[in-house]
Amino acid sequence: KDTATVAVLYDLIPLVYREQYFSPRLKPAALSPIWKWRAEQVARRFEKLNARFQRTQHIVSISKASIEDLHRMFPETSDIPYSITPLAAQSLPQPSAKQIYKKPYFMYVGGTDSRKNLEKLIDMFAKAVTWGVKEDLVLIGHDFKQKDYNDTMLLLRHIEKSNIKSRIKIIGYAN
């Protein structure tokens, strides 16, 4: 308790998007009491952050937005000095020569959770195609192959209804 500390803050996504983050991503039939208990346990752990951050002398975060989320959710932390060290400041590995798709394309890499607004991405891509865009849209990420995730199911239905579904390629996990 008497030791000076620095806390690292990545994000508060589970608290900022609590409704979405802790809502079931699987079909309701696949849910179990254990999953619900685990979600509640994780939520309680995040709620203890306020006390932890109040005991630190400095916060290092990957983004100004994360610091703003912290201050909005835990106003008591507003007086704690902080530094921003973006992850992009790291040197990045050179891309491999591995080709994931043969034609020119636009690419999205990430999850399918609803806060990513991928239905809007699909709609805007469809609009761009009507304007003459020739590239395809490639979707990369583990969640795209998790067909029992509720968010993935909704997104796949949206793509299926789209008049440009043949221009959308789902790669799934790519390494």
Protein backbone atom coordinates (compact mmCIF):
# COMPACT_ATOMS: atom_id res chain seq x y z
CA LYS A 1 0.00 0.00 0.00
CA ASP A 2 2.94 2.36 0.53
CA THR A 3 4.59 1.58 -2.81
CA ALA A 4 4.27 4.08 -5.65
CA THR A 5 2.46 2.48 -8.57
CA VAL A 6 1.76 3.06 -12.23
CA ALA A 7 -1.38 1.51 -13.72
CA VAL A 8 -1.77 0.53 -17.37
CA LEU A 9 -5.18 1.17 -18.95
CA TYR A 10 -6.00 -0.42 -22.28
CA ASP A 11 -9.72 0.21 -22.43
CA LEU A 12 -12.95 -0.03 -20.49
CA ILE A 13 -14.98 -1.61 -23.29
CA PRO A 14 -16.79 -4.08 -20.99
CA LEU A 15 -18.04 -1.16 -18.90
CA VAL A 16 -18.60 1.38 -21.67
CA TYR A 17 -20.58 -1.16 -23.72
CA ARG A 18 -21.87 -3.18 -20.79
CA GLU A 19 -25.23 -4.01 -22.38
CA GLN A 20 -23.58 -5.38 -25.52
CA TYR A 21 -20.48 -6.87 -23.94
CA PHE A 22 -22.30 -8.87 -21.29
CA SER A 23 -25.29 -9.83 -23.39
CA PRO A 24 -25.22 -13.35 -24.79
CA ARG A 25 -23.32 -13.64 -28.07
CA LEU A 26 -24.45 -17.22 -28.46
CA LYS A 27 -27.89 -18.50 -29.31
CA PRO A 28 -30.08 -18.45 -26.18
CA ALA A 29 -30.31 -22.26 -26.27
CA ALA A 30 -26.53 -22.49 -25.95
CA LEU A 31 -26.39 -20.32 -22.82
CA SER A 32 -25.73 -21.88 -19.48
CA PRO A 33 -25.89 -20.63 -15.88
CA ILE A 34 -22.08 -20.90 -15.81
CA TRP A 35 -21.76 -18.37 -18.65
CA LYS A 36 -24.08 -15.93 -16.87
CA TRP A 37 -22.18 -16.37 -13.60
CA ARG A 38 -18.86 -15.75 -15.39
CA ALA A 39 -20.20 -12.57 -17.05
CA GLU A 40 -21.32 -11.26 -13.66
CA GLN A 41 -17.95 -12.13 -12.15
CA VAL A 42 -16.08 -10.24 -14.90
CA ALA A 43 -18.41 -7.24 -14.50
CA ARG A 44 -17.72 -7.11 -10.74
CA ARG A 45 -13.97 -7.26 -11.38
CA PHE A 46 -14.17 -4.28 -13.74
CA GLU A 47 -16.24 -2.34 -11.22
CA LYS A 48 -13.39 -2.68 -8.70
CA LEU A 49 -11.17 -0.66 -11.05
CA ASN A 50 -12.21 2.60 -9.43
CA ALA A 51 -10.52 1.68 -6.14
CA ARG A 52 -7.46 0.35 -7.93
CA PHE A 53 -6.97 3.43 -10.06
CA GLN A 54 -7.47 5.76 -7.10
CA ARG A 55 -4.46 4.14 -5.37
CA THR A 56 -2.08 4.69 -8.29
CA GLN A 57 0.20 7.68 -8.78
CA HIS A 58 0.23 7.60 -12.58
CA ILE A 59 -1.77 5.99 -15.40
CA VAL A 60 -0.34 4.92 -18.75
CA SER A 61 -2.96 4.34 -21.44
CA ILE A 62 -3.02 3.39 -25.10
CA SER A 63 -5.45 6.15 -26.02
CA LYS A 64 -6.91 9.47 -24.94
CA ALA A 65 -10.38 7.96 -25.43
CA SER A 66 -9.63 5.31 -22.80
CA ILE A 67 -8.54 8.00 -20.32
CA GLU A 68 -11.72 9.98 -21.07
CA ASP A 69 -13.80 6.83 -20.48
CA LEU A 70 -12.01 6.29 -17.17
CA HIS A 71 -12.64 9.86 -16.03
CA ARG A 72 -16.29 9.74 -17.14
CA MET A 73 -16.97 6.44 -15.39
CA PHE A 74 -14.76 7.11 -12.36
CA PRO A 75 -14.59 10.91 -11.85
CA GLU A 76 -12.38 10.42 -8.78
CA THR A 77 -9.52 9.51 -11.14
CA SER A 78 -9.53 12.89 -12.90
CA ASP A 79 -6.68 14.28 -10.78
CA ILE A 80 -4.30 11.37 -11.40
CA PRO A 81 -1.53 12.24 -13.90
CA TYR A 82 -1.50 10.14 -17.06
CA SER A 83 0.53 9.47 -20.19
CA ILE A 84 -0.69 8.28 -23.58
CA THR A 85 1.44 5.67 -25.34
CA PRO A 86 -0.39 4.53 -28.48
CA LEU A 87 0.11 0.95 -29.54
CA ALA A 88 0.89 2.27 -32.99
CA ALA A 89 4.10 3.73 -31.56
CA GLN A 90 5.58 0.23 -31.60
CA SER A 91 7.59 -0.88 -34.58
CA LEU A 92 5.42 -3.24 -36.56
CA PRO A 93 6.56 -6.45 -38.21
CA GLN A 94 6.90 -6.44 -41.96
CA PRO A 95 3.97 -8.09 -43.69
CA SER A 96 4.61 -11.56 -44.99
CA ALA A 97 4.44 -12.30 -48.66
CA LYS A 98 1.44 -14.56 -48.03
CA GLN A 99 -1.45 -13.59 -50.25
CA ILE A 100 -4.87 -13.89 -48.63
CA TYR A 101 -6.95 -12.81 -51.61
CA LYS A 102 -6.07 -12.53 -55.29
CA LYS A 103 -8.04 -9.46 -56.40
CA PRO A 104 -7.69 -5.88 -55.12
CA TYR A 105 -9.79 -5.46 -51.99
CA PHE A 106 -10.83 -3.40 -49.02
CA MET A 107 -10.21 -5.17 -45.74
CA TYR A 108 -11.80 -5.20 -42.30
CA VAL A 109 -9.98 -7.00 -39.49
CA GLY A 110 -11.72 -7.52 -36.15
CA GLY A 111 -14.68 -8.97 -34.35
CA THR A 112 -18.36 -9.06 -35.21
CA ASP A 113 -19.80 -7.57 -32.04
CA SER A 114 -22.54 -5.03 -32.71
CA ARG A 115 -20.53 -2.03 -31.48
CA LYS A 116 -18.30 -2.47 -34.56
CA ASN A 117 -21.26 -1.35 -36.73
CA LEU A 118 -20.47 -3.82 -39.51
CA GLU A 119 -23.97 -3.69 -40.97
CA LYS A 120 -23.26 -0.02 -41.74
CA LEU A 121 -19.93 -1.06 -43.33
CA ILE A 122 -21.81 -3.50 -45.58
CA ASP A 123 -24.38 -0.85 -46.50
CA MET A 124 -21.70 1.74 -47.28
CA PHE A 125 -19.73 -0.78 -49.31
CA ALA A 126 -22.90 -1.55 -51.30
CA LYS A 127 -23.29 2.16 -51.96
CA ALA A 128 -19.64 2.42 -53.05
CA VAL A 129 -20.19 -0.46 -55.49
CA THR A 130 -23.05 1.47 -57.10
CA TRP A 131 -20.58 4.36 -57.54
CA GLY A 132 -18.25 2.08 -59.48
CA VAL A 133 -15.90 0.62 -56.87
CA LYS A 134 -14.37 -2.53 -58.37
CA GLU A 135 -12.62 -3.93 -55.28
CA ASP A 136 -14.18 -6.61 -53.08
CA LEU A 137 -14.63 -6.39 -49.32
CA VAL A 138 -12.65 -8.97 -47.34
CA LEU A 139 -13.66 -9.64 -43.73
CA ILE A 140 -10.99 -11.15 -41.51
CA GLY A 141 -11.33 -12.27 -37.91
CA HIS A 142 -12.00 -15.28 -35.73
CA ASP A 143 -15.61 -14.23 -35.03
CA PHE A 144 -16.62 -14.53 -38.69
CA LYS A 145 -16.31 -18.32 -38.45
CA GLN A 146 -18.20 -18.45 -35.12
CA LYS A 147 -21.61 -18.94 -36.71
CA ASP A 148 -23.32 -19.51 -33.36
CA TYR A 149 -22.39 -16.00 -32.12
CA ASN A 150 -25.55 -13.93 -32.20
CA ASP A 151 -23.73 -10.90 -33.65
CA THR A 152 -22.16 -13.06 -36.38
CA MET A 153 -25.52 -14.61 -37.25
CA LEU A 154 -27.12 -11.18 -37.58
CA LEU A 155 -24.26 -9.90 -39.73
CA LEU A 156 -24.31 -12.97 -42.01
CA ARG A 157 -28.08 -12.51 -42.50
CA HIS A 158 -27.49 -8.87 -43.39
CA ILE A 159 -24.83 -9.86 -45.94
CA GLU A 160 -27.08 -12.57 -47.37
CA LYS A 161 -29.86 -9.99 -47.97
CA SER A 162 -27.42 -7.61 -49.64
CA ASN A 163 -27.31 -7.30 -53.41
CA ILE A 164 -23.50 -7.31 -53.24
CA LYS A 165 -23.02 -10.52 -51.25
CA SER A 166 -20.87 -11.99 -54.04
CA ARG A 167 -18.41 -9.08 -53.53
CA ILE A 168 -17.97 -9.81 -49.79
CA LYS A 169 -15.42 -12.47 -48.91
CA ILE A 170 -15.19 -13.89 -45.41
CA ILE A 171 -11.72 -15.19 -44.66
CA GLY A 172 -12.10 -15.79 -40.93
CA TYR A 173 -8.85 -16.12 -39.00
CA ALA A 174 -5.80 -15.20 -41.08
CA ASN A 175 -2.18 -15.46 -39.98
